[in-house]
Protein backbone atom coordinates (compact mmCIF):
# COMPACT_ATOMS: atom_id res chain seq x y z
CA MET A 1 0.00 0.00 0.00
CA ASN A 2 1.30 3.44 -0.85
CA HIS A 3 1.82 5.67 2.14
CA GLU A 4 -0.11 8.45 0.43
CA LEU A 5 -3.20 6.26 0.54
CA MET A 6 -3.16 6.48 4.33
CA GLY A 7 -4.16 10.12 4.04
CA ALA A 8 -7.06 9.13 1.84
CA ILE A 9 -8.12 6.23 4.07
CA LEU A 10 -8.16 8.09 7.39
CA LYS A 11 -11.52 9.73 8.01
CA SER A 12 -10.23 12.52 10.26
CA SER A 13 -6.83 14.04 10.91
CA GLN A 14 -5.41 12.92 7.58
CA TRP A 15 -2.37 15.13 8.10
CA SER A 16 -1.35 13.17 11.20
CA ALA A 17 -0.43 10.11 9.11
CA GLY A 18 2.50 12.02 7.61
CA ALA A 19 3.77 13.13 11.00
CA ILE A 20 3.39 9.62 12.45
CA LEU A 21 5.31 8.13 9.55
CA MET A 22 8.24 10.51 9.97
CA PHE A 23 8.43 10.42 13.76
CA ALA A 24 8.14 6.64 13.91
CA GLN A 25 11.69 6.57 12.58
CA VAL A 26 13.14 8.29 15.66
CA PRO A 27 12.76 5.32 18.09
CA VAL A 28 14.17 2.98 15.44
CA ILE A 29 17.25 5.18 15.05
CA ILE A 30 17.68 5.34 18.83
CA ALA A 31 17.37 1.55 19.12
CA SER A 32 19.86 0.88 16.34
CA SER A 33 22.41 3.64 16.93
CA GLY A 34 21.85 4.66 20.52
CA SER A 35 21.42 8.13 21.88
CA SER A 36 24.10 10.64 21.00
CA ALA A 37 24.73 14.36 21.02
CA LEU A 38 23.26 14.59 17.52
CA LEU A 39 19.87 13.17 18.56
CA GLY A 40 18.40 16.69 18.88
CA VAL A 41 19.57 17.54 15.37
CA GLY A 42 18.03 14.31 14.09
CA ILE A 43 14.68 15.15 15.68
CA LEU A 44 14.83 18.64 14.16
CA TYR A 45 15.62 17.03 10.79
CA ALA A 46 12.58 14.74 11.18
CA ASP A 47 10.49 17.85 11.92
CA ILE A 48 11.59 19.48 8.68
CA LEU A 49 11.10 16.30 6.65
CA SER A 50 7.60 15.81 8.06
CA ILE A 51 6.31 19.06 6.52
CA PRO A 52 6.01 17.73 2.92
CA ALA A 53 4.59 14.44 4.22
CA VAL A 54 1.95 16.23 6.29
CA ILE A 55 0.95 18.38 3.29
CA LEU A 56 0.77 15.36 1.00
CA TYR A 57 -1.40 13.36 3.40
CA TRP A 58 -3.66 16.35 4.04
CA LEU A 59 -4.14 16.83 0.27
CA ALA A 60 -4.88 13.11 -0.19
CA GLY A 61 -7.55 13.31 2.51
CA LYS A 62 -9.12 16.39 0.92
CA TRP A 63 -9.10 14.67 -2.48
CA ARG A 64 -10.88 11.67 -0.96
CA GLN A 65 -13.52 13.86 0.62
CA ALA A 66 -14.08 15.70 -2.67
CA HIS A 67 -14.43 12.50 -4.69
CA ARG A 68 -16.37 10.48 -2.14
CA GLY A 69 -19.80 11.42 -3.49
CA LYS A 70 -18.98 10.58 -7.12
């Protein structure tokens, strides 16, 4: 399943799927690499990378709502 479809499948808070997808990587990185001084930078990087994902999922949800009645 494409990740973009999650935004179309969720009935409310479509944008949250993008944020969840990006921030779910943080615990995996901590488990595999451990905590370091660069962890804060990595979380900030995940914040920045989540912006396009949030927008894409929000647009997919709006598209689903617009085409639901057709």
